[in-house]
Amino acid sequence: MVPGCRPSRKAPSVLRLTDSERQAILEKKKAEPQMSARQISGHLRREGFWISPSNCYRVRKAKGWVIPQSLLEAPWKTPHYEPFQPK
Protein backbone atom coordinates (compact mmCIF):
# COMPACT_ATOMS: atom_id res chain seq x y z
CA MET A 1 0.00 0.00 0.00
CA VAL A 2 1.31 3.41 -0.91
CA PRO A 3 1.61 5.78 2.09
CA GLY A 4 -0.90 8.61 2.07
CA CYS A 5 -3.36 6.80 -0.28
CA ARG A 6 -6.73 5.65 0.83
CA PRO A 7 -7.85 2.14 -0.09
CA SER A 8 -10.39 2.22 -2.88
CA ARG A 9 -13.92 1.01 -2.22
CA LYS A 10 -15.11 -2.12 -3.93
CA ALA A 11 -17.43 -1.63 -6.88
CA PRO A 12 -20.95 -3.08 -6.42
CA SER A 13 -21.37 -6.58 -7.77
CA VAL A 14 -22.97 -7.08 -11.16
CA LEU A 15 -24.76 -10.11 -9.75
CA ARG A 16 -26.52 -8.14 -6.99
CA LEU A 17 -30.23 -7.52 -7.56
CA THR A 18 -31.30 -3.98 -8.31
CA ASP A 19 -34.15 -2.32 -6.45
CA SER A 20 -36.40 -2.57 -9.53
CA GLU A 21 -35.74 -6.33 -9.80
CA ARG A 22 -36.44 -6.82 -6.11
CA GLN A 23 -39.64 -4.79 -6.43
CA ALA A 24 -40.75 -6.83 -9.48
CA ILE A 25 -40.37 -10.06 -7.47
CA LEU A 26 -42.45 -8.68 -4.59
CA GLU A 27 -45.16 -7.32 -6.90
CA LYS A 28 -45.45 -10.62 -8.79
CA LYS A 29 -45.75 -12.54 -5.51
CA LYS A 30 -48.42 -10.13 -4.22
CA ALA A 31 -50.39 -10.45 -7.47
CA GLU A 32 -50.17 -14.26 -7.54
CA PRO A 33 -49.37 -15.64 -4.07
CA GLN A 34 -49.55 -19.31 -5.11
CA MET A 35 -46.54 -19.02 -7.44
CA SER A 36 -43.24 -20.68 -6.53
CA ALA A 37 -39.82 -19.07 -6.92
CA ARG A 38 -39.26 -20.96 -10.17
CA GLN A 39 -42.58 -19.79 -11.60
CA ILE A 40 -41.94 -16.18 -10.59
CA SER A 41 -38.53 -16.31 -12.25
CA GLY A 42 -40.06 -17.65 -15.48
CA HIS A 43 -42.76 -14.97 -15.60
CA LEU A 44 -40.28 -12.18 -14.91
CA ARG A 45 -37.98 -13.42 -17.68
CA ARG A 46 -40.81 -12.89 -20.16
CA GLU A 47 -41.07 -9.31 -18.85
CA GLY A 48 -37.34 -8.69 -19.39
CA PHE A 49 -35.95 -9.37 -15.90
CA TRP A 50 -33.28 -12.10 -15.81
CA ILE A 51 -33.58 -13.29 -12.22
CA SER A 52 -32.72 -16.77 -11.00
CA PRO A 53 -35.20 -18.81 -8.93
CA SER A 54 -32.73 -18.81 -6.03
CA ASN A 55 -32.72 -15.00 -5.98
CA CYS A 56 -36.53 -15.01 -6.00
CA TYR A 57 -36.45 -17.40 -3.04
CA ARG A 58 -33.94 -15.25 -1.13
CA VAL A 59 -36.01 -12.07 -1.58
CA ARG A 60 -39.19 -13.84 -0.43
CA LYS A 61 -37.39 -15.42 2.55
CA ALA A 62 -36.00 -12.05 3.65
CA LYS A 63 -39.59 -10.72 3.74
CA GLY A 64 -40.78 -13.76 5.72
CA TRP A 65 -42.95 -15.06 2.87
CA VAL A 66 -41.45 -18.56 2.77
CA ILE A 67 -43.31 -21.24 4.67
CA PRO A 68 -40.94 -23.75 6.31
CA GLN A 69 -41.66 -27.33 5.30
CA SER A 70 -40.72 -30.31 7.39
CA LEU A 71 -39.20 -33.20 5.52
CA LEU A 72 -40.18 -36.79 6.21
CA GLU A 73 -37.49 -39.25 7.17
CA ALA A 74 -36.43 -41.57 4.38
CA PRO A 75 -38.20 -44.92 4.78
CA TRP A 76 -35.02 -46.94 4.21
CA LYS A 77 -33.29 -45.35 7.21
CA THR A 78 -35.62 -46.97 9.74
CA PRO A 79 -35.38 -50.76 9.93
CA HIS A 80 -38.73 -52.52 9.68
CA TYR A 81 -38.37 -56.11 10.80
CA GLU A 82 -41.37 -58.34 11.22
CA PRO A 83 -40.88 -60.81 14.04
CA PHE A 84 -41.89 -64.34 13.27
CA GLN A 85 -41.46 -67.76 14.78
CA PRO A 86 -40.32 -70.76 12.82
CA LYS A 87 -42.71 -73.69 13.06
PDB file of N, CA and C in Angstrom:
ATOM      1  N   MET A   1       0.848  -1.182   0.000  1.00  0.00           N
ATOM      2  CA  MET A   1       0.000   0.000   0.000  1.00  0.00           C
ATOM      3  C   MET A   1       0.888   1.237   0.000  1.00  0.00           C
ATOM      4  N   VAL A   2       0.545   2.178  -0.802  1.00  0.00           N
ATOM      5  CA  VAL A   2       1.314   3.413  -0.914  1.00  0.00           C
ATOM      6  C   VAL A   2       0.934   4.322   0.250  1.00  0.00           C
ATOM      7  N   PRO A   3       1.936   4.893   0.974  1.00  0.00           N
ATOM      8  CA  PRO A   3       1.610   5.778   2.089  1.00  0.00           C
ATOM      9  C   PRO A   3       0.855   7.020   1.612  1.00  0.00           C
ATOM     10  N   GLY A   4      -0.143   7.402   2.388  1.00  0.00           N
ATOM     11  CA  GLY A   4      -0.903   8.606   2.065  1.00  0.00           C
ATOM     12  C   GLY A   4      -2.073   8.355   1.125  1.00  0.00           C
ATOM     13  N   CYS A   5      -2.232   7.136   0.611  1.00  0.00           N
ATOM     14  CA  CYS A   5      -3.356   6.798  -0.283  1.00  0.00           C
ATOM     15  C   CYS A   5      -4.424   6.044   0.500  1.00  0.00           C
ATOM     16  N   ARG A   6      -5.622   6.360   0.214  1.00  0.00           N
ATOM     17  CA  ARG A   6      -6.731   5.651   0.831  1.00  0.00           C
ATOM     18  C   ARG A   6      -7.029   4.392   0.020  1.00  0.00           C
ATOM     19  N   PRO A   7      -7.450   3.327   0.674  1.00  0.00           N
ATOM     20  CA  PRO A   7      -7.850   2.138  -0.088  1.00  0.00           C
ATOM     21  C   PRO A   7      -9.141   2.421  -0.853  1.00  0.00           C
ATOM     22  N   SER A   8      -9.192   1.952  -2.069  1.00  0.00           N
ATOM     23  CA  SER A   8     -10.389   2.219  -2.885  1.00  0.00           C
ATOM     24  C   SER A   8     -11.524   1.314  -2.435  1.00  0.00           C
ATOM     25  N   ARG A   9     -12.743   1.782  -2.581  1.00  0.00           N
ATOM     26  CA  ARG A   9     -13.920   1.009  -2.220  1.00  0.00           C
ATOM     27  C   ARG A   9     -14.218   0.022  -3.335  1.00  0.00           C
ATOM     28  N   LYS A  10     -14.761  -1.118  -2.939  1.00  0.00           N
ATOM     29  CA  LYS A  10     -15.113  -2.120  -3.928  1.00  0.00           C
ATOM     30  C   LYS A  10     -16.317  -1.652  -4.735  1.00  0.00           C
ATOM     31  N   ALA A  11     -16.292  -1.951  -6.019  1.00  0.00           N
ATOM     32  CA  ALA A  11     -17.434  -1.635  -6.876  1.00  0.00           C
ATOM     33  C   ALA A  11     -18.570  -2.599  -6.554  1.00  0.00           C
ATOM     34  N   PRO A  12     -19.831  -2.171  -6.683  1.00  0.00           N
ATOM     35  CA  PRO A  12     -20.951  -3.076  -6.417  1.00  0.00           C
ATOM     36  C   PRO A  12     -20.943  -4.237  -7.407  1.00  0.00           C
ATOM     37  N   SER A  13     -21.373  -5.385  -6.949  1.00  0.00           N
ATOM     38  CA  SER A  13     -21.367  -6.585  -7.767  1.00  0.00           C
ATOM     39  C   SER A  13     -22.394  -6.491  -8.887  1.00  0.00           C
ATOM     40  N   VAL A  14     -22.044  -7.035 -10.023  1.00  0.00           N
ATOM     41  CA  VAL A  14     -22.967  -7.075 -11.161  1.00  0.00           C
ATOM     42  C   VAL A  14     -24.076  -8.083 -10.878  1.00  0.00           C
ATOM     43  N   LEU A  15     -23.796  -9.064 -10.044  1.00  0.00           N
ATOM     44  CA  LEU A  15     -24.765 -10.113  -9.745  1.00  0.00           C
ATOM     45  C   LEU A  15     -25.805  -9.702  -8.715  1.00  0.00           C
ATOM     46  N   ARG A  16     -25.582  -8.603  -8.020  1.00  0.00           N
ATOM     47  CA  ARG A  16     -26.516  -8.144  -6.995  1.00  0.00           C
ATOM     48  C   ARG A  16     -27.810  -7.642  -7.648  1.00  0.00           C
ATOM     49  N   LEU A  17     -28.945  -7.964  -7.030  1.00  0.00           N
ATOM     50  CA  LEU A  17     -30.235  -7.518  -7.556  1.00  0.00           C
ATOM     51  C   LEU A  17     -30.397  -6.016  -7.401  1.00  0.00           C
ATOM     52  N   THR A  18     -30.996  -5.400  -8.397  1.00  0.00           N
ATOM     53  CA  THR A  18     -31.297  -3.980  -8.307  1.00  0.00           C
ATOM     54  C   THR A  18     -32.615  -3.806  -7.553  1.00  0.00           C
ATOM     55  N   ASP A  19     -32.900  -2.591  -7.160  1.00  0.00           N
ATOM     56  CA  ASP A  19     -34.151  -2.325  -6.451  1.00  0.00           C
ATOM     57  C   ASP A  19     -35.361  -2.608  -7.330  1.00  0.00           C
ATOM     58  N   SER A  20     -35.261  -2.320  -8.634  1.00  0.00           N
ATOM     59  CA  SER A  20     -36.396  -2.574  -9.526  1.00  0.00           C
ATOM     60  C   SER A  20     -36.639  -4.073  -9.689  1.00  0.00           C
ATOM     61  N   GLU A  21     -35.579  -4.872  -9.709  1.00  0.00           N
ATOM     62  CA  GLU A  21     -35.742  -6.327  -9.800  1.00  0.00           C
ATOM     63  C   GLU A  21     -36.369  -6.879  -8.521  1.00  0.00           C
ATOM     64  N   ARG A  22     -35.896  -6.393  -7.398  1.00  0.00           N
ATOM     65  CA  ARG A  22     -36.443  -6.824  -6.109  1.00  0.00           C
ATOM     66  C   ARG A  22     -37.921  -6.445  -6.010  1.00  0.00           C
ATOM     67  N   GLN A  23     -38.254  -5.257  -6.463  1.00  0.00           N
ATOM     68  CA  GLN A  23     -39.643  -4.792  -6.427  1.00  0.00           C
ATOM     69  C   GLN A  23     -40.521  -5.620  -7.369  1.00  0.00           C
ATOM     70  N   ALA A  24     -39.991  -6.008  -8.532  1.00  0.00           N
ATOM     71  CA  ALA A  24     -40.749  -6.828  -9.482  1.00  0.00           C
ATOM     72  C   ALA A  24     -41.073  -8.195  -8.873  1.00  0.00           C
ATOM     73  N   ILE A  25     -40.133  -8.770  -8.134  1.00  0.00           N
ATOM     74  CA  ILE A  25     -40.372 -10.056  -7.471  1.00  0.00           C
ATOM     75  C   ILE A  25     -41.498  -9.920  -6.448  1.00  0.00           C
ATOM     76  N   LEU A  26     -41.439  -8.877  -5.634  1.00  0.00           N
ATOM     77  CA  LEU A  26     -42.452  -8.682  -4.593  1.00  0.00           C
ATOM     78  C   LEU A  26     -43.828  -8.404  -5.191  1.00  0.00           C
ATOM     79  N   GLU A  27     -43.885  -7.612  -6.258  1.00  0.00           N
ATOM     80  CA  GLU A  27     -45.164  -7.318  -6.900  1.00  0.00           C
ATOM     81  C   GLU A  27     -45.781  -8.556  -7.530  1.00  0.00           C
ATOM     82  N   LYS A  28     -44.941  -9.392  -8.162  1.00  0.00           N
ATOM     83  CA  LYS A  28     -45.447 -10.617  -8.786  1.00  0.00           C
ATOM     84  C   LYS A  28     -45.983 -11.568  -7.718  1.00  0.00           C
ATOM     85  N   LYS A  29     -45.297 -11.660  -6.585  1.00  0.00           N
ATOM     86  CA  LYS A  29     -45.751 -12.540  -5.508  1.00  0.00           C
ATOM     87  C   LYS A  29     -47.039 -12.019  -4.884  1.00  0.00           C
ATOM     88  N   LYS A  30     -47.178 -10.691  -4.758  1.00  0.00           N
ATOM     89  CA  LYS A  30     -48.419 -10.128  -4.221  1.00  0.00           C
ATOM     90  C   LYS A  30     -49.577 -10.370  -5.170  1.00  0.00           C
ATOM     91  N   ALA A  31     -49.328 -10.261  -6.475  1.00  0.00           N
ATOM     92  CA  ALA A  31     -50.386 -10.451  -7.468  1.00  0.00           C
ATOM     93  C   ALA A  31     -50.825 -11.908  -7.546  1.00  0.00           C
ATOM     94  N   GLU A  32     -49.866 -12.828  -7.444  1.00  0.00           N
ATOM     95  CA  GLU A  32     -50.174 -14.255  -7.543  1.00  0.00           C
ATOM     96  C   GLU A  32     -49.449 -15.012  -6.426  1.00  0.00           C
ATOM     97  N   PRO A  33     -50.054 -15.067  -5.229  1.00  0.00           N
ATOM     98  CA  PRO A  33     -49.366 -15.639  -4.070  1.00  0.00           C
ATOM     99  C   PRO A  33     -49.080 -17.138  -4.153  1.00  0.00           C
ATOM    100  N   GLN A  34     -49.760 -17.870  -5.025  1.00  0.00           N
ATOM    101  CA  GLN A  34     -49.549 -19.311  -5.106  1.00  0.00           C
ATOM    102  C   GLN A  34     -48.310 -19.683  -5.912  1.00  0.00           C
ATOM    103  N   MET A  35     -47.674 -18.722  -6.572  1.00  0.00           N
ATOM    104  CA  MET A  35     -46.536 -19.019  -7.439  1.00  0.00           C
ATOM    105  C   MET A  35     -45.280 -19.345  -6.633  1.00  0.00           C
ATOM    106  N   SER A  36     -44.513 -20.317  -7.144  1.00  0.00           N
ATOM    107  CA  SER A  36     -43.241 -20.685  -6.528  1.00  0.00           C
ATOM    108  C   SER A  36     -42.142 -19.763  -7.050  1.00  0.00           C
ATOM    109  N   ALA A  37     -40.954 -19.900  -6.481  1.00  0.00           N
ATOM    110  CA  ALA A  37     -39.823 -19.074  -6.919  1.00  0.00           C
ATOM    111  C   ALA A  37     -39.481 -19.351  -8.374  1.00  0.00           C
ATOM    112  N   ARG A  38     -39.565 -20.597  -8.783  1.00  0.00           N
ATOM    113  CA  ARG A  38     -39.260 -20.964 -10.166  1.00  0.00           C
ATOM    114  C   ARG A  38     -40.285 -20.362 -11.136  1.00  0.00           C
ATOM    115  N   GLN A  39     -41.549 -20.372 -10.747  1.00  0.00           N
ATOM    116  CA  GLN A  39     -42.581 -19.792 -11.602  1.00  0.00           C
ATOM    117  C   GLN A  39     -42.437 -18.273 -11.700  1.00  0.00           C
ATOM    118  N   ILE A  40     -42.134 -17.638 -10.586  1.00  0.00           N
ATOM    119  CA  ILE A  40     -41.940 -16.183 -10.589  1.00  0.00           C
ATOM    120  C   ILE A  40     -40.783 -15.818 -11.506  1.00  0.00           C
ATOM    121  N   SER A  41     -39.693 -16.567 -11.409  1.00  0.00           N
ATOM    122  CA  SER A  41     -38.529 -16.312 -12.252  1.00  0.00           C
ATOM    123  C   SER A  41     -38.890 -16.427 -13.727  1.00  0.00           C
ATOM    124  N   GLY A  42     -39.652 -17.460 -14.088  1.00  0.00           N
ATOM    125  CA  GLY A  42     -40.059 -17.651 -15.477  1.00  0.00           C
ATOM    126  C   GLY A  42     -40.929 -16.519 -15.988  1.00  0.00           C
ATOM    127  N   HIS A  43     -41.878 -16.067 -15.180  1.00  0.00           N
ATOM    128  CA  HIS A  43     -42.758 -14.973 -15.595  1.00  0.00           C
ATOM    129  C   HIS A  43     -41.973 -13.666 -15.748  1.00  0.00           C
ATOM    130  N   LEU A  44     -41.048 -13.422 -14.832  1.00  0.00           N
ATOM    131  CA  LEU A  44     -40.283 -12.181 -14.906  1.00  0.00           C
ATOM    132  C   LEU A  44     -39.310 -12.182 -16.086  1.00  0.00           C
ATOM    133  N   ARG A  45     -38.852 -13.357 -16.508  1.00  0.00           N
ATOM    134  CA  ARG A  45     -37.978 -13.418 -17.684  1.00  0.00           C
ATOM    135  C   ARG A  45     -38.734 -12.989 -18.935  1.00  0.00           C
ATOM    136  N   ARG A  46     -40.004 -13.333 -19.017  1.00  0.00           N
ATOM    137  CA  ARG A  46     -40.813 -12.886 -20.161  1.00  0.00           C
ATOM    138  C   ARG A  46     -41.014 -11.375 -20.153  1.00  0.00           C
ATOM    139  N   GLU A  47     -40.916 -10.768 -18.967  1.00  0.00           N
ATOM    140  CA  GLU A  47     -41.068  -9.314 -18.847  1.00  0.00           C
ATOM    141  C   GLU A  47     -39.735  -8.576 -18.975  1.00  0.00           C
ATOM    142  N   GLY A  48     -38.629  -9.331 -19.167  1.00  0.00           N
ATOM    143  CA  GLY A  48     -37.339  -8.687 -19.387  1.00  0.00           C
ATOM    144  C   GLY A  48     -36.399  -8.683 -18.194  1.00  0.00           C
ATOM    145  N   PHE A  49     -36.814  -9.276 -17.071  1.00  0.00           N
ATOM    146  CA  PHE A  49     -35.946  -9.369 -15.902  1.00  0.00           C
ATOM    147  C   PHE A  49     -35.300 -10.746 -15.908  1.00  0.00           C
ATOM    148  N   TRP A  50     -33.982 -10.814 -15.856  1.00  0.00           N
ATOM    149  CA  TRP A  50     -33.281 -12.095 -15.812  1.00  0.00           C
ATOM    150  C   TRP A  50     -32.866 -12.372 -14.379  1.00  0.00           C
ATOM    151  N   ILE A  51     -33.770 -13.027 -13.640  1.00  0.00           N
ATOM    152  CA  ILE A  51     -33.579 -13.288 -12.216  1.00  0.00           C
ATOM    153  C   ILE A  51     -33.657 -14.793 -12.000  1.00  0.00           C
ATOM    154  N   SER A  52     -32.727 -15.338 -11.255  1.00  0.00           N
ATOM    155  CA  SER A  52     -32.720 -16.775 -10.998  1.00  0.00           C
ATOM    156  C   SER A  52     -33.780 -17.128  -9.948  1.00  0.00           C
ATOM    157  N   PRO A  53     -34.245 -18.380  -9.965  1.00  0.00           N
ATOM    158  CA  PRO A  53     -35.197 -18.807  -8.931  1.00  0.00           C
ATOM    159  C   PRO A  53     -34.630 -18.695  -7.516  1.00  0.00           C
ATOM    160  N   SER A  54     -33.316 -18.908  -7.375  1.00  0.00           N
ATOM    161  CA  SER A  54     -32.729 -18.808  -6.034  1.00  0.00           C
ATOM    162  C   SER A  54     -32.777 -17.369  -5.520  1.00  0.00           C
ATOM    163  N   ASN A  55     -32.604 -16.399  -6.406  1.00  0.00           N
ATOM    164  CA  ASN A  55     -32.719 -14.999  -5.984  1.00  0.00           C
ATOM    165  C   ASN A  55     -34.159 -14.668  -5.606  1.00  0.00           C
ATOM    166  N   CYS A  56     -35.123 -15.216  -6.348  1.00  0.00           N
ATOM    167  CA  CYS A  56     -36.534 -15.008  -5.997  1.00  0.00           C
ATOM    168  C   CYS A  56     -36.813 -15.578  -4.611  1.00  0.00           C
ATOM    169  N   TYR A  57     -36.262 -16.761  -4.346  1.00  0.00           N
ATOM    170  CA  TYR A  57     -36.450 -17.397  -3.041  1.00  0.00           C
ATOM    171  C   TYR A  57     -35.833 -16.548  -1.936  1.00  0.00           C
ATOM    172  N   ARG A  58     -34.624 -16.046  -2.161  1.00  0.00           N
ATOM    173  CA  ARG A  58     -33.941 -15.254  -1.128  1.00  0.00           C
ATOM    174  C   ARG A  58     -34.710 -13.978  -0.797  1.00  0.00           C
ATOM    175  N   VAL A  59     -35.253 -13.309  -1.813  1.00  0.00           N
ATOM    176  CA  VAL A  59     -36.011 -12.075  -1.580  1.00  0.00           C
ATOM    177  C   VAL A  59     -37.275 -12.390  -0.775  1.00  0.00           C
ATOM    178  N   ARG A  60     -37.978 -13.463  -1.151  1.00  0.00           N
ATOM    179  CA  ARG A  60     -39.188 -13.840  -0.428  1.00  0.00           C
ATOM    180  C   ARG A  60     -38.863 -14.269   1.001  1.00  0.00           C
ATOM    181  N   LYS A  61     -37.771 -14.972   1.208  1.00  0.00           N
ATOM    182  CA  LYS A  61     -37.393 -15.424   2.547  1.00  0.00           C
ATOM    183  C   LYS A  61     -37.034 -14.245   3.437  1.00  0.00           C
ATOM    184  N   ALA A  62     -36.361 -13.240   2.872  1.00  0.00           N
ATOM    185  CA  ALA A  62     -36.002 -12.054   3.646  1.00  0.00           C
ATOM    186  C   ALA A  62     -37.247 -11.306   4.125  1.00  0.00           C
ATOM    187  N   LYS A  63     -38.332 -11.370   3.356  1.00  0.00           N
ATOM    188  CA  LYS A  63     -39.590 -10.720   3.741  1.00  0.00           C
ATOM    189  C   LYS A  63     -40.428 -11.595   4.672  1.00  0.00           C
ATOM    190  N   GLY A  64     -40.014 -12.850   4.874  1.00  0.00           N
ATOM    191  CA  GLY A  64     -40.781 -13.756   5.720  1.00  0.00           C
ATOM    192  C   GLY A  64     -41.939 -14.409   4.985  1.00  0.00           C
ATOM    193  N   TRP A  65     -41.866 -14.501   3.673  1.00  0.00           N
ATOM    194  CA  TRP A  65     -42.949 -15.061   2.868  1.00  0.00           C
ATOM    195  C   TRP A  65     -42.722 -16.516   2.491  1.00  0.00           C
ATOM    196  N   VAL A  66     -41.725 -17.161   3.072  1.00  0.00           N
ATOM    197  CA  VAL A  66     -41.451 -18.562   2.769  1.00  0.00           C
ATOM    198  C   VAL A  66     -41.944 -19.392   3.942  1.00  0.00           C
ATOM    199  N   ILE A  67     -42.767 -20.383   3.648  1.00  0.00           N
ATOM    200  CA  ILE A  67     -43.314 -21.244   4.673  1.00  0.00           C
ATOM    201  C   ILE A  67     -42.350 -22.412   4.875  1.00  0.00           C
ATOM    202  N   PRO A  68     -41.851 -22.619   6.099  1.00  0.00           N
ATOM    203  CA  PRO A  68     -40.943 -23.747   6.314  1.00  0.00           C
ATOM    204  C   PRO A  68     -41.689 -25.072   6.165  1.00  0.00           C
ATOM    205  N   GLN A  69     -41.050 -26.011   5.501  1.00  0.00           N
ATOM    206  CA  GLN A  69     -41.655 -27.326   5.304  1.00  0.00           C
ATOM    207  C   GLN A  69     -40.798 -28.372   5.992  1.00  0.00           C
ATOM    208  N   SER A  70     -41.463 -29.241   6.722  1.00  0.00           N
ATOM    209  CA  SER A  70     -40.718 -30.312   7.389  1.00  0.00           C
ATOM    210  C   SER A  70     -40.603 -31.485   6.424  1.00  0.00           C
ATOM    211  N   LEU A  71     -39.440 -32.071   6.401  1.00  0.00           N
ATOM    212  CA  LEU A  71     -39.203 -33.201   5.521  1.00  0.00           C
ATOM    213  C   LEU A  71     -39.436 -34.497   6.287  1.00  0.00           C
ATOM    214  N   LEU A  72     -39.989 -35.481   5.603  1.00  0.00           N
ATOM    215  CA  LEU A  72     -40.182 -36.792   6.205  1.00  0.00           C
ATOM    216  C   LEU A  72     -38.876 -37.572   6.161  1.00  0.00           C
ATOM    217  N   GLU A  73     -38.690 -38.419   7.145  1.00  0.00           N
ATOM    218  CA  GLU A  73     -37.491 -39.245   7.165  1.00  0.00           C
ATOM    219  C   GLU A  73     -37.582 -40.288   6.059  1.00  0.00           C
ATOM    220  N   ALA A  74     -36.460 -40.585   5.453  1.00  0.00           N
ATOM    221  CA  ALA A  74     -36.426 -41.572   4.384  1.00  0.00           C
ATOM    222  C   ALA A  74     -36.834 -42.936   4.938  1.00  0.00           C
ATOM    223  N   PRO A  75     -37.713 -43.655   4.238  1.00  0.00           N
ATOM    224  CA  PRO A  75     -38.204 -44.921   4.780  1.00  0.00           C
ATOM    225  C   PRO A  75     -37.121 -45.986   4.918  1.00  0.00           C
ATOM    226  N   TRP A  76     -36.065 -45.927   4.141  1.00  0.00           N
ATOM    227  CA  TRP A  76     -35.020 -46.943   4.215  1.00  0.00           C
ATOM    228  C   TRP A  76     -34.056 -46.727   5.384  1.00  0.00           C
ATOM    229  N   LYS A  77     -34.173 -45.608   6.077  1.00  0.00           N
ATOM    230  CA  LYS A  77     -33.291 -45.346   7.208  1.00  0.00           C
ATOM    231  C   LYS A  77     -33.783 -46.008   8.495  1.00  0.00           C
ATOM    232  N   THR A  78     -35.050 -46.328   8.576  1.00  0.00           N
ATOM    233  CA  THR A  78     -35.617 -46.970   9.744  1.00  0.00           C
ATOM    234  C   THR A  78     -35.814 -48.457   9.446  1.00  0.00           C
ATOM    235  N   PRO A  79     -35.191 -49.330  10.210  1.00  0.00           N
ATOM    236  CA  PRO A  79     -35.376 -50.760   9.933  1.00  0.00           C
ATOM    237  C   PRO A  79     -36.785 -51.218  10.313  1.00  0.00           C
ATOM    238  N   HIS A  80     -37.389 -51.975   9.445  1.00  0.00           N
ATOM    239  CA  HIS A  80     -38.726 -52.518   9.682  1.00  0.00           C
ATOM    240  C   HIS A  80     -38.628 -54.043   9.601  1.00  0.00           C
ATOM    241  N   TYR A  81     -38.468 -54.655  10.763  1.00  0.00           N
ATOM    242  CA  TYR A  81     -38.374 -56.109  10.804  1.00  0.00           C
ATOM    243  C   TYR A  81     -39.687 -56.649  11.343  1.00  0.00           C
ATOM    244  N   GLU A  82     -40.163 -57.691  10.738  1.00  0.00           N
ATOM    245  CA  GLU A  82     -41.372 -58.336  11.220  1.00  0.00           C
ATOM    246  C   GLU A  82     -40.960 -59.588  11.992  1.00  0.00           C
ATOM    247  N   PRO A  83     -41.259 -59.614  13.276  1.00  0.00           N
ATOM    248  CA  PRO A  83     -40.881 -60.812  14.044  1.00  0.00           C
ATOM    249  C   PRO A  83     -41.764 -62.006  13.659  1.00  0.00           C
ATOM    250  N   PHE A  84     -41.143 -63.127  13.562  1.00  0.00           N
ATOM    251  CA  PHE A  84     -41.893 -64.340  13.266  1.00  0.00           C
ATOM    252  C   PHE A  84     -41.221 -65.523  13.959  1.00  0.00           C
ATOM    253  N   GLN A  85     -41.981 -66.561  14.141  1.00  0.00           N
ATOM    254  CA  GLN A  85     -41.458 -67.755  14.775  1.00  0.00           C
ATOM    255  C   GLN A  85     -41.429 -68.889  13.764  1.00  0.00           C
ATOM    256  N   PRO A  86     -40.318 -69.591  13.706  1.00  0.00           N
ATOM    257  CA  PRO A  86     -40.315 -70.760  12.823  1.00  0.00           C
ATOM    258  C   PRO A  86     -41.185 -71.872  13.424  1.00  0.00           C
ATOM    259  N   LYS A  87     -41.833 -72.615  12.571  1.00  0.00           N
ATOM    260  CA  LYS A  87     -42.705 -73.694  13.061  1.00  0.00           C
ATOM    261  C   LYS A  87     -42.003 -74.993  13.083  1.00  0.00           C
TER     262      LYS A  87
END
